[in-house]
Amino acid sequence: MVVCGWSLRPIVAKNSDQMRRDLAALIDHTLLRPDAVQADFVRLCKEAVQHSFATVCVNSAHVALCT
């Protein structure tokens, strides 16, 4: 069965750490606040790396801070 492009698979004997990694790989970590400062973007990127998130989404004006 496919819903919204994702196949629904039963979770079979996965430990909680593996489930967290699988879920994190689907998360887009986002910071679109217009009043965000450089430290906010640094924290965003560190969190994304720490948790192995799929992407970091920022306003195009701030992409250079996150590459």
N, C-alpha and C. Protein backbone atom coordinates (compact mmCIF):
# COMPACT_ATOMS: atom_id res chain seq x y z
N MET A 1 0.85 -1.17 0.00
CA MET A 1 0.00 0.00 0.00
C MET A 1 0.89 1.24 0.00
N VAL A 2 0.59 2.19 -0.84
CA VAL A 2 1.34 3.42 -0.90
C VAL A 2 0.41 4.59 -0.62
N VAL A 3 0.81 5.44 0.33
CA VAL A 3 0.03 6.63 0.68
C VAL A 3 0.96 7.83 0.57
N CYS A 4 0.58 8.81 -0.21
CA CYS A 4 1.39 10.03 -0.37
C CYS A 4 2.83 9.71 -0.77
N GLY A 5 3.03 8.71 -1.57
CA GLY A 5 4.37 8.39 -2.05
C GLY A 5 5.21 7.55 -1.10
N TRP A 6 4.71 7.26 0.08
CA TRP A 6 5.47 6.46 1.04
C TRP A 6 4.80 5.11 1.19
N SER A 7 5.59 4.07 1.25
CA SER A 7 5.00 2.76 1.46
C SER A 7 4.87 2.54 2.96
N LEU A 8 3.76 1.98 3.36
CA LEU A 8 3.54 1.70 4.77
C LEU A 8 4.09 0.31 5.07
N ARG A 9 5.14 0.27 5.86
CA ARG A 9 5.76 -1.00 6.22
C ARG A 9 5.55 -1.23 7.71
N PRO A 10 5.27 -2.43 8.10
CA PRO A 10 5.19 -2.68 9.54
C PRO A 10 6.57 -2.55 10.16
N ILE A 11 6.61 -2.05 11.36
CA ILE A 11 7.88 -1.94 12.08
C ILE A 11 8.14 -3.29 12.73
N VAL A 12 9.13 -3.98 12.23
CA VAL A 12 9.40 -5.33 12.69
C VAL A 12 10.73 -5.36 13.42
N ALA A 13 10.67 -5.55 14.70
CA ALA A 13 11.85 -5.76 15.54
C ALA A 13 12.93 -4.70 15.35
N LYS A 14 12.53 -3.46 15.16
CA LYS A 14 13.52 -2.40 15.10
C LYS A 14 13.71 -1.85 16.49
N ASN A 15 14.94 -1.57 16.84
CA ASN A 15 15.15 -0.96 18.14
C ASN A 15 14.85 0.53 18.06
N SER A 16 14.69 1.16 19.19
CA SER A 16 14.27 2.56 19.20
C SER A 16 15.31 3.48 18.56
N ASP A 17 16.59 3.17 18.67
CA ASP A 17 17.62 4.00 18.05
C ASP A 17 17.50 3.97 16.53
N GLN A 18 17.26 2.81 15.97
CA GLN A 18 17.10 2.69 14.52
C GLN A 18 15.83 3.42 14.07
N MET A 19 14.78 3.31 14.84
CA MET A 19 13.54 4.00 14.50
C MET A 19 13.75 5.51 14.52
N ARG A 20 14.51 6.02 15.48
CA ARG A 20 14.81 7.46 15.54
C ARG A 20 15.60 7.90 14.32
N ARG A 21 16.60 7.11 13.93
CA ARG A 21 17.39 7.46 12.75
C ARG A 21 16.54 7.45 11.49
N ASP A 22 15.67 6.45 11.37
CA ASP A 22 14.79 6.37 10.21
C ASP A 22 13.86 7.58 10.15
N LEU A 23 13.31 7.96 11.28
CA LEU A 23 12.41 9.11 11.33
C LEU A 23 13.17 10.41 11.06
N ALA A 24 14.34 10.56 11.65
CA ALA A 24 15.14 11.78 11.46
C ALA A 24 15.48 12.00 9.99
N ALA A 25 15.68 10.92 9.27
CA ALA A 25 16.03 11.02 7.84
C ALA A 25 14.89 11.57 7.00
N LEU A 26 13.70 11.71 7.59
CA LEU A 26 12.55 12.24 6.88
C LEU A 26 12.24 13.69 7.26
N ILE A 27 12.98 14.24 8.21
CA ILE A 27 12.66 15.56 8.76
C ILE A 27 13.43 16.66 8.04
N ASP A 28 12.71 17.71 7.67
CA ASP A 28 13.31 18.94 7.15
C ASP A 28 13.35 19.93 8.30
N HIS A 29 14.55 20.26 8.75
CA HIS A 29 14.72 21.21 9.86
C HIS A 29 14.66 22.61 9.27
N THR A 30 13.74 23.44 9.74
CA THR A 30 13.41 24.69 9.06
C THR A 30 13.56 25.90 9.97
N LEU A 31 14.10 26.97 9.40
CA LEU A 31 14.18 28.26 10.10
C LEU A 31 13.87 29.35 9.08
N LEU A 32 12.67 29.89 9.16
CA LEU A 32 12.24 30.91 8.20
C LEU A 32 11.90 32.23 8.88
N ARG A 33 12.18 32.34 10.16
CA ARG A 33 11.88 33.60 10.88
C ARG A 33 12.66 34.75 10.26
N PRO A 34 12.01 35.85 9.96
CA PRO A 34 12.72 36.99 9.35
C PRO A 34 13.69 37.67 10.32
N ASP A 35 13.50 37.47 11.62
CA ASP A 35 14.37 38.11 12.60
C ASP A 35 15.49 37.18 13.09
N ALA A 36 15.68 36.02 12.44
CA ALA A 36 16.73 35.09 12.84
C ALA A 36 18.11 35.71 12.60
N VAL A 37 19.02 35.41 13.51
CA VAL A 37 20.40 35.93 13.41
C VAL A 37 21.35 34.77 13.11
N GLN A 38 22.59 35.09 12.83
CA GLN A 38 23.57 34.07 12.43
C GLN A 38 23.66 32.93 13.44
N ALA A 39 23.63 33.24 14.73
CA ALA A 39 23.70 32.19 15.75
C ALA A 39 22.54 31.20 15.64
N ASP A 40 21.38 31.67 15.22
CA ASP A 40 20.23 30.78 15.02
C ASP A 40 20.49 29.78 13.90
N PHE A 41 21.13 30.25 12.84
CA PHE A 41 21.42 29.37 11.71
C PHE A 41 22.52 28.36 12.06
N VAL A 42 23.50 28.80 12.83
CA VAL A 42 24.55 27.88 13.29
C VAL A 42 23.93 26.78 14.13
N ARG A 43 23.04 27.15 15.07
CA ARG A 43 22.38 26.17 15.92
C ARG A 43 21.52 25.22 15.08
N LEU A 44 20.80 25.76 14.12
CA LEU A 44 19.96 24.95 13.24
C LEU A 44 20.79 23.88 12.53
N CYS A 45 21.90 24.28 11.97
CA CYS A 45 22.76 23.34 11.24
C CYS A 45 23.40 22.31 12.16
N LYS A 46 23.81 22.73 13.33
CA LYS A 46 24.38 21.77 14.30
C LYS A 46 23.35 20.73 14.71
N GLU A 47 22.12 21.18 14.95
CA GLU A 47 21.05 20.25 15.31
C GLU A 47 20.76 19.28 14.17
N ALA A 48 20.77 19.78 12.95
CA ALA A 48 20.50 18.93 11.79
C ALA A 48 21.57 17.84 11.65
N VAL A 49 22.82 18.21 11.85
CA VAL A 49 23.90 17.22 11.78
C VAL A 49 23.80 16.25 12.95
N GLN A 50 23.59 16.77 14.14
CA GLN A 50 23.51 15.93 15.34
C GLN A 50 22.42 14.87 15.22
N HIS A 51 21.28 15.24 14.66
CA HIS A 51 20.15 14.32 14.60
C HIS A 51 19.99 13.65 13.23
N SER A 52 20.89 13.94 12.30
CA SER A 52 20.87 13.37 10.95
C SER A 52 19.57 13.67 10.21
N PHE A 53 19.11 14.93 10.31
CA PHE A 53 17.91 15.34 9.59
C PHE A 53 18.19 15.34 8.09
N ALA A 54 17.13 15.19 7.31
CA ALA A 54 17.27 15.10 5.86
C ALA A 54 17.79 16.39 5.25
N THR A 55 17.22 17.51 5.65
CA THR A 55 17.60 18.79 5.06
C THR A 55 17.50 19.91 6.08
N VAL A 56 18.08 21.03 5.70
CA VAL A 56 17.92 22.29 6.43
C VAL A 56 17.25 23.25 5.45
N CYS A 57 16.13 23.83 5.85
CA CYS A 57 15.39 24.75 4.97
C CYS A 57 15.48 26.16 5.54
N VAL A 58 16.02 27.07 4.75
CA VAL A 58 16.15 28.47 5.15
C VAL A 58 15.77 29.36 3.98
N ASN A 59 15.50 30.61 4.27
CA ASN A 59 15.25 31.59 3.23
C ASN A 59 16.48 31.68 2.35
N SER A 60 16.29 31.90 1.07
CA SER A 60 17.41 31.91 0.13
C SER A 60 18.48 32.94 0.48
N ALA A 61 18.11 33.98 1.19
CA ALA A 61 19.08 35.02 1.59
C ALA A 61 20.08 34.47 2.61
N HIS A 62 19.78 33.34 3.25
CA HIS A 62 20.63 32.81 4.31
C HIS A 62 21.31 31.48 3.95
N VAL A 63 21.21 31.08 2.71
CA VAL A 63 21.79 29.79 2.30
C VAL A 63 23.30 29.76 2.54
N ALA A 64 23.98 30.86 2.29
CA ALA A 64 25.44 30.89 2.47
C ALA A 64 25.85 30.60 3.91
N LEU A 65 25.01 30.94 4.87
CA LEU A 65 25.32 30.65 6.28
C LEU A 65 25.21 29.17 6.59
N CYS A 66 24.51 28.43 5.76
CA CYS A 66 24.22 27.02 6.06
C CYS A 66 24.93 26.03 5.15
N THR A 67 25.87 26.51 4.35
CA THR A 67 26.57 25.59 3.45
C THR A 67 27.96 25.30 3.95
